[in-house]
Amino acid sequence: MDIEIIEDGGGGKDFGGVRAEDVVILPAFGASVQEMRLLNDRGVRIVDTTCPWVAKARPCPWGARALRRCLQQG
């Protein structure tokens, strides 16, 4: 099992190597709506470590559970 850190190189994060069988651990400060949708669309397993305080302070896009609810609701 390999661990790869995907960092923002100034032009955004490159998720090109992320496949459906991968597990993605989100950082404690959350992820952008675009990142969450991309990962959700690829069918990866998301482990959300978003801080509960951050999740409460941010609207729907922050946190995997909240995003999944938003995606299901349309």
PDB file of N, CA and C in Angstrom:
ATOM      1  N   MET A   1       0.851  -1.169   0.000  1.00  0.00           N
ATOM      2  CA  MET A   1       0.000   0.000   0.000  1.00  0.00           C
ATOM      3  C   MET A   1       0.897   1.233   0.000  1.00  0.00           C
ATOM      4  N   ASP A   2       0.628   2.126  -0.916  1.00  0.00           N
ATOM      5  CA  ASP A   2       1.378   3.372  -0.992  1.00  0.00           C
ATOM      6  C   ASP A   2       0.541   4.524  -0.468  1.00  0.00           C
ATOM      7  N   ILE A   3       1.220   5.507   0.051  1.00  0.00           N
ATOM      8  CA  ILE A   3       0.571   6.743   0.485  1.00  0.00           C
ATOM      9  C   ILE A   3       1.135   7.861  -0.371  1.00  0.00           C
ATOM     10  N   GLU A   4       0.240   8.633  -0.951  1.00  0.00           N
ATOM     11  CA  GLU A   4       0.663   9.745  -1.790  1.00  0.00           C
ATOM     12  C   GLU A   4      -0.040  11.010  -1.313  1.00  0.00           C
ATOM     13  N   ILE A   5       0.705  12.060  -1.119  1.00  0.00           N
ATOM     14  CA  ILE A   5       0.146  13.340  -0.712  1.00  0.00           C
ATOM     15  C   ILE A   5      -0.027  14.181  -1.972  1.00  0.00           C
ATOM     16  N   ILE A   6      -1.248  14.651  -2.164  1.00  0.00           N
ATOM     17  CA  ILE A   6      -1.543  15.482  -3.328  1.00  0.00           C
ATOM     18  C   ILE A   6      -1.600  16.927  -2.851  1.00  0.00           C
ATOM     19  N   GLU A   7      -0.629  17.689  -3.263  1.00  0.00           N
ATOM     20  CA  GLU A   7      -0.557  19.085  -2.840  1.00  0.00           C
ATOM     21  C   GLU A   7      -0.941  20.011  -3.978  1.00  0.00           C
ATOM     22  N   ASP A   8      -1.326  21.198  -3.621  1.00  0.00           N
ATOM     23  CA  ASP A   8      -1.653  22.222  -4.611  1.00  0.00           C
ATOM     24  C   ASP A   8      -0.360  22.886  -5.046  1.00  0.00           C
ATOM     25  N   GLY A   9       0.007  22.687  -6.288  1.00  0.00           N
ATOM     26  CA  GLY A   9       1.240  23.263  -6.816  1.00  0.00           C
ATOM     27  C   GLY A   9       1.040  24.662  -7.367  1.00  0.00           C
ATOM     28  N   GLY A  10      -0.021  25.325  -6.982  1.00  0.00           N
ATOM     29  CA  GLY A  10      -0.297  26.658  -7.471  1.00  0.00           C
ATOM     30  C   GLY A  10      -1.320  26.672  -8.591  1.00  0.00           C
ATOM     31  N   GLY A  11      -1.426  25.569  -9.308  1.00  0.00           N
ATOM     32  CA  GLY A  11      -2.400  25.465 -10.398  1.00  0.00           C
ATOM     33  C   GLY A  11      -3.531  24.519 -10.058  1.00  0.00           C
ATOM     34  N   GLY A  12      -3.682  24.211  -8.784  1.00  0.00           N
ATOM     35  CA  GLY A  12      -4.696  23.256  -8.348  1.00  0.00           C
ATOM     36  C   GLY A  12      -4.089  21.889  -8.101  1.00  0.00           C
ATOM     37  N   LYS A  13      -4.845  21.028  -7.480  1.00  0.00           N
ATOM     38  CA  LYS A  13      -4.379  19.674  -7.179  1.00  0.00           C
ATOM     39  C   LYS A  13      -4.619  18.774  -8.388  1.00  0.00           C
ATOM     40  N   ASP A  14      -3.685  17.874  -8.629  1.00  0.00           N
ATOM     41  CA  ASP A  14      -3.791  16.950  -9.747  1.00  0.00           C
ATOM     42  C   ASP A  14      -4.283  15.599  -9.233  1.00  0.00           C
ATOM     43  N   PHE A  15      -5.560  15.312  -9.470  1.00  0.00           N
ATOM     44  CA  PHE A  15      -6.155  14.051  -9.055  1.00  0.00           C
ATOM     45  C   PHE A  15      -6.146  13.027 -10.185  1.00  0.00           C
ATOM     46  N   GLY A  16      -5.330  13.264 -11.207  1.00  0.00           N
ATOM     47  CA  GLY A  16      -5.278  12.385 -12.367  1.00  0.00           C
ATOM     48  C   GLY A  16      -4.945  10.938 -12.043  1.00  0.00           C
ATOM     49  N   GLY A  17      -4.176  10.713 -10.991  1.00  0.00           N
ATOM     50  CA  GLY A  17      -3.781   9.359 -10.635  1.00  0.00           C
ATOM     51  C   GLY A  17      -4.715   8.665  -9.666  1.00  0.00           C
ATOM     52  N   VAL A  18      -5.787   9.337  -9.234  1.00  0.00           N
ATOM     53  CA  VAL A  18      -6.727   8.756  -8.270  1.00  0.00           C
ATOM     54  C   VAL A  18      -7.718   7.874  -9.018  1.00  0.00           C
ATOM     55  N   ARG A  19      -7.814   6.618  -8.568  1.00  0.00           N
ATOM     56  CA  ARG A  19      -8.694   5.641  -9.209  1.00  0.00           C
ATOM     57  C   ARG A  19      -9.809   5.215  -8.247  1.00  0.00           C
ATOM     58  N   ALA A  20     -10.822   4.569  -8.782  1.00  0.00           N
ATOM     59  CA  ALA A  20     -11.995   4.168  -8.004  1.00  0.00           C
ATOM     60  C   ALA A  20     -11.639   3.282  -6.813  1.00  0.00           C
ATOM     61  N   GLU A  21     -10.591   2.474  -6.923  1.00  0.00           N
ATOM     62  CA  GLU A  21     -10.246   1.569  -5.809  1.00  0.00           C
ATOM     63  C   GLU A  21      -9.415   2.256  -4.722  1.00  0.00           C
ATOM     64  N   ASP A  22      -9.108   3.528  -4.900  1.00  0.00           N
ATOM     65  CA  ASP A  22      -8.284   4.261  -3.934  1.00  0.00           C
ATOM     66  C   ASP A  22      -9.100   4.774  -2.755  1.00  0.00           C
ATOM     67  N   VAL A  23      -8.401   5.033  -1.669  1.00  0.00           N
ATOM     68  CA  VAL A  23      -8.976   5.665  -0.483  1.00  0.00           C
ATOM     69  C   VAL A  23      -8.357   7.049  -0.385  1.00  0.00           C
ATOM     70  N   VAL A  24      -9.203   8.066  -0.237  1.00  0.00           N
ATOM     71  CA  VAL A  24      -8.725   9.444  -0.129  1.00  0.00           C
ATOM     72  C   VAL A  24      -9.063   9.955   1.260  1.00  0.00           C
ATOM     73  N   ILE A  25      -8.039  10.418   1.961  1.00  0.00           N
ATOM     74  CA  ILE A  25      -8.232  10.990   3.294  1.00  0.00           C
ATOM     75  C   ILE A  25      -8.213  12.504   3.150  1.00  0.00           C
ATOM     76  N   LEU A  26      -9.330  13.119   3.480  1.00  0.00           N
ATOM     77  CA  LEU A  26      -9.428  14.573   3.373  1.00  0.00           C
ATOM     78  C   LEU A  26      -8.832  15.230   4.609  1.00  0.00           C
ATOM     79  N   PRO A  27      -8.202  16.379   4.432  1.00  0.00           N
ATOM     80  CA  PRO A  27      -7.576  17.054   5.563  1.00  0.00           C
ATOM     81  C   PRO A  27      -8.604  17.606   6.541  1.00  0.00           C
ATOM     82  N   ALA A  28      -8.134  17.883   7.748  1.00  0.00           N
ATOM     83  CA  ALA A  28      -9.011  18.348   8.816  1.00  0.00           C
ATOM     84  C   ALA A  28      -9.691  19.668   8.505  1.00  0.00           C
ATOM     85  N   PHE A  29      -9.150  20.442   7.575  1.00  0.00           N
ATOM     86  CA  PHE A  29      -9.752  21.740   7.249  1.00  0.00           C
ATOM     87  C   PHE A  29     -10.670  21.668   6.036  1.00  0.00           C
ATOM     88  N   GLY A  30     -10.970  20.455   5.566  1.00  0.00           N
ATOM     89  CA  GLY A  30     -11.945  20.271   4.507  1.00  0.00           C
ATOM     90  C   GLY A  30     -11.360  20.287   3.116  1.00  0.00           C
ATOM     91  N   ALA A  31     -12.242  20.266   2.119  1.00  0.00           N
ATOM     92  CA  ALA A  31     -11.860  20.262   0.712  1.00  0.00           C
ATOM     93  C   ALA A  31     -12.852  21.126  -0.044  1.00  0.00           C
ATOM     94  N   SER A  32     -12.470  21.542  -1.237  1.00  0.00           N
ATOM     95  CA  SER A  32     -13.364  22.394  -2.025  1.00  0.00           C
ATOM     96  C   SER A  32     -14.516  21.574  -2.603  1.00  0.00           C
ATOM     97  N   VAL A  33     -15.547  22.264  -3.028  1.00  0.00           N
ATOM     98  CA  VAL A  33     -16.697  21.606  -3.642  1.00  0.00           C
ATOM     99  C   VAL A  33     -16.250  20.845  -4.887  1.00  0.00           C
ATOM    100  N   GLN A  34     -15.401  21.474  -5.698  1.00  0.00           N
ATOM    101  CA  GLN A  34     -14.943  20.838  -6.929  1.00  0.00           C
ATOM    102  C   GLN A  34     -14.158  19.567  -6.625  1.00  0.00           C
ATOM    103  N   GLU A  35     -13.294  19.615  -5.612  1.00  0.00           N
ATOM    104  CA  GLU A  35     -12.522  18.425  -5.238  1.00  0.00           C
ATOM    105  C   GLU A  35     -13.436  17.304  -4.771  1.00  0.00           C
ATOM    106  N   MET A  36     -14.412  17.650  -3.942  1.00  0.00           N
ATOM    107  CA  MET A  36     -15.334  16.631  -3.424  1.00  0.00           C
ATOM    108  C   MET A  36     -16.157  16.016  -4.550  1.00  0.00           C
ATOM    109  N   ARG A  37     -16.628  16.825  -5.468  1.00  0.00           N
ATOM    110  CA  ARG A  37     -17.420  16.292  -6.581  1.00  0.00           C
ATOM    111  C   ARG A  37     -16.578  15.390  -7.474  1.00  0.00           C
ATOM    112  N   LEU A  38     -15.364  15.826  -7.755  1.00  0.00           N
ATOM    113  CA  LEU A  38     -14.468  15.018  -8.587  1.00  0.00           C
ATOM    114  C   LEU A  38     -14.224  13.661  -7.944  1.00  0.00           C
ATOM    115  N   LEU A  39     -13.923  13.653  -6.663  1.00  0.00           N
ATOM    116  CA  LEU A  39     -13.657  12.395  -5.957  1.00  0.00           C
ATOM    117  C   LEU A  39     -14.916  11.537  -5.883  1.00  0.00           C
ATOM    118  N   ASN A  40     -16.041  12.165  -5.625  1.00  0.00           N
ATOM    119  CA  ASN A  40     -17.309  11.437  -5.567  1.00  0.00           C
ATOM    120  C   ASN A  40     -17.627  10.811  -6.934  1.00  0.00           C
ATOM    121  N   ASP A  41     -17.424  11.579  -7.998  1.00  0.00           N
ATOM    122  CA  ASP A  41     -17.693  11.070  -9.349  1.00  0.00           C
ATOM    123  C   ASP A  41     -16.774   9.910  -9.720  1.00  0.00           C
ATOM    124  N   ARG A  42     -15.566   9.912  -9.187  1.00  0.00           N
ATOM    125  CA  ARG A  42     -14.629   8.811  -9.474  1.00  0.00           C
ATOM    126  C   ARG A  42     -14.933   7.575  -8.643  1.00  0.00           C
ATOM    127  N   GLY A  43     -15.802   7.715  -7.651  1.00  0.00           N
ATOM    128  CA  GLY A  43     -16.198   6.573  -6.843  1.00  0.00           C
ATOM    129  C   GLY A  43     -15.165   6.136  -5.823  1.00  0.00           C
ATOM    130  N   VAL A  44     -14.283   7.051  -5.434  1.00  0.00           N
ATOM    131  CA  VAL A  44     -13.272   6.684  -4.444  1.00  0.00           C
ATOM    132  C   VAL A  44     -13.901   6.611  -3.053  1.00  0.00           C
ATOM    133  N   ARG A  45     -13.235   5.905  -2.189  1.00  0.00           N
ATOM    134  CA  ARG A  45     -13.671   5.834  -0.791  1.00  0.00           C
ATOM    135  C   ARG A  45     -13.098   7.055  -0.081  1.00  0.00           C
ATOM    136  N   ILE A  46     -13.963   7.872   0.497  1.00  0.00           N
ATOM    137  CA  ILE A  46     -13.543   9.116   1.137  1.00  0.00           C
ATOM    138  C   ILE A  46     -13.558   8.942   2.647  1.00  0.00           C
ATOM    139  N   VAL A  47     -12.429   9.264   3.274  1.00  0.00           N
ATOM    140  CA  VAL A  47     -12.337   9.304   4.731  1.00  0.00           C
ATOM    141  C   VAL A  47     -12.255  10.783   5.089  1.00  0.00           C
ATOM    142  N   ASP A  48     -13.304  11.273   5.700  1.00  0.00           N
ATOM    143  CA  ASP A  48     -13.405  12.698   5.993  1.00  0.00           C
ATOM    144  C   ASP A  48     -12.919  12.989   7.407  1.00  0.00           C
ATOM    145  N   THR A  49     -11.821  13.727   7.518  1.00  0.00           N
ATOM    146  CA  THR A  49     -11.300  14.102   8.835  1.00  0.00           C
ATOM    147  C   THR A  49     -11.575  15.575   9.136  1.00  0.00           C
ATOM    148  N   THR A  50     -12.550  16.142   8.418  1.00  0.00           N
ATOM    149  CA  THR A  50     -12.878  17.553   8.616  1.00  0.00           C
ATOM    150  C   THR A  50     -13.257  17.798  10.069  1.00  0.00           C
ATOM    151  N   CYS A  51     -12.642  18.798  10.647  1.00  0.00           N
ATOM    152  CA  CYS A  51     -12.929  19.192  12.027  1.00  0.00           C
ATOM    153  C   CYS A  51     -14.412  19.539  12.152  1.00  0.00           C
ATOM    154  N   PRO A  52     -15.099  19.045  13.178  1.00  0.00           N
ATOM    155  CA  PRO A  52     -16.523  19.357  13.344  1.00  0.00           C
ATOM    156  C   PRO A  52     -16.800  20.858  13.412  1.00  0.00           C
ATOM    157  N   TRP A  53     -15.893  21.617  13.974  1.00  0.00           N
ATOM    158  CA  TRP A  53     -16.082  23.074  14.060  1.00  0.00           C
ATOM    159  C   TRP A  53     -16.018  23.697  12.675  1.00  0.00           C
ATOM    160  N   VAL A  54     -15.132  23.209  11.842  1.00  0.00           N
ATOM    161  CA  VAL A  54     -15.029  23.716  10.470  1.00  0.00           C
ATOM    162  C   VAL A  54     -16.278  23.313   9.696  1.00  0.00           C
ATOM    163  N   ALA A  55     -16.708  22.075   9.867  1.00  0.00           N
ATOM    164  CA  ALA A  55     -17.892  21.589   9.156  1.00  0.00           C
ATOM    165  C   ALA A  55     -19.126  22.412   9.516  1.00  0.00           C
ATOM    166  N   LYS A  56     -19.252  22.815  10.774  1.00  0.00           N
ATOM    167  CA  LYS A  56     -20.398  23.626  11.195  1.00  0.00           C
ATOM    168  C   LYS A  56     -20.303  25.049  10.673  1.00  0.00           C
ATOM    169  N   ALA A  57     -19.094  25.562  10.575  1.00  0.00           N
ATOM    170  CA  ALA A  57     -18.904  26.948  10.145  1.00  0.00           C
ATOM    171  C   ALA A  57     -19.068  27.108   8.637  1.00  0.00           C
ATOM    172  N   ARG A  58     -18.907  26.032   7.903  1.00  0.00           N
ATOM    173  CA  ARG A  58     -18.984  26.089   6.443  1.00  0.00           C
ATOM    174  C   ARG A  58     -20.334  25.568   5.974  1.00  0.00           C
ATOM    175  N   PRO A  59     -20.810  26.092   4.839  1.00  0.00           N
ATOM    176  CA  PRO A  59     -22.044  25.554   4.274  1.00  0.00           C
ATOM    177  C   PRO A  59     -21.829  24.155   3.695  1.00  0.00           C
ATOM    178  N   CYS A  60     -22.848  23.597   3.155  1.00  0.00           N
ATOM    179  CA  CYS A  60     -22.926  22.226   2.662  1.00  0.00           C
ATOM    180  C   CYS A  60     -21.655  21.646   2.056  1.00  0.00           C
ATOM    181  N   PRO A  61     -20.914  22.333   1.195  1.00  0.00           N
ATOM    182  CA  PRO A  61     -19.800  21.668   0.509  1.00  0.00           C
ATOM    183  C   PRO A  61     -18.703  21.133   1.403  1.00  0.00           C
ATOM    184  N   TRP A  62     -18.611  21.579   2.619  1.00  0.00           N
ATOM    185  CA  TRP A  62     -17.508  21.167   3.474  1.00  0.00           C
ATOM    186  C   TRP A  62     -17.869  19.919   4.236  1.00  0.00           C
ATOM    187  N   GLY A  63     -17.111  18.863   4.016  1.00  0.00           N
ATOM    188  CA  GLY A  63     -17.335  17.592   4.690  1.00  0.00           C
ATOM    189  C   GLY A  63     -18.000  16.594   3.766  1.00  0.00           C
ATOM    190  N   ALA A  64     -17.500  15.384   3.788  1.00  0.00           N
ATOM    191  CA  ALA A  64     -17.972  14.344   2.866  1.00  0.00           C
ATOM    192  C   ALA A  64     -19.442  14.005   3.085  1.00  0.00           C
ATOM    193  N   ARG A  65     -19.861  13.884   4.335  1.00  0.00           N
ATOM    194  CA  ARG A  65     -21.258  13.520   4.599  1.00  0.00           C
ATOM    195  C   ARG A  65     -22.206  14.598   4.089  1.00  0.00           C
ATOM    196  N   ALA A  66     -21.872  15.854   4.369  1.00  0.00           N
ATOM    197  CA  ALA A  66     -22.720  16.959   3.918  1.00  0.00           C
ATOM    198  C   ALA A  66     -22.760  17.013   2.396  1.00  0.00           C
ATOM    199  N   LEU A  67     -21.620  16.802   1.762  1.00  0.00           N
ATOM    200  CA  LEU A  67     -21.584  16.843   0.302  1.00  0.00           C
ATOM    201  C   LEU A  67     -22.407  15.708  -0.285  1.00  0.00           C
ATOM    202  N   ARG A  68     -22.278  14.526   0.275  1.00  0.00           N
ATOM    203  CA  ARG A  68     -23.071  13.396  -0.246  1.00  0.00           C
ATOM    204  C   ARG A  68     -24.567  13.697  -0.143  1.00  0.00           C
ATOM    205  N   ARG A  69     -24.989  14.318   0.970  1.00  0.00           N
ATOM    206  CA  ARG A  69     -26.398  14.689   1.113  1.00  0.00           C
ATOM    207  C   ARG A  69     -26.786  15.685   0.013  1.00  0.00           C
ATOM    208  N   CYS A  70     -25.938  16.690  -0.217  1.00  0.00           N
ATOM    209  CA  CYS A  70     -26.218  17.694  -1.241  1.00  0.00           C
ATOM    210  C   CYS A  70     -26.301  17.057  -2.620  1.00  0.00           C
ATOM    211  N   LEU A  71     -25.383  16.143  -2.921  1.00  0.00           N
ATOM    212  CA  LEU A  71     -25.376  15.490  -4.232  1.00  0.00           C
ATOM    213  C   LEU A  71     -26.622  14.637  -4.418  1.00  0.00           C
ATOM    214  N   GLN A  72     -27.078  13.974  -3.347  1.00  0.00           N
ATOM    215  CA  GLN A  72     -28.258  13.138  -3.444  1.00  0.00           C
ATOM    216  C   GLN A  72     -29.515  13.980  -3.619  1.00  0.00           C
ATOM    217  N   GLN A  73     -29.532  15.161  -3.013  1.00  0.00           N
ATOM    218  CA  GLN A  73     -30.703  16.035  -3.101  1.00  0.00           C
ATOM    219  C   GLN A  73     -30.764  16.790  -4.420  1.00  0.00           C
ATOM    220  N   GLY A  74     -29.646  16.813  -5.147  1.00  0.00           N
ATOM    221  CA  GLY A  74     -29.621  17.489  -6.434  1.00  0.00           C
ATOM    222  C   GLY A  74     -29.104  18.832  -6.353  1.00  0.00           C
TER     223      GLY A  74
END
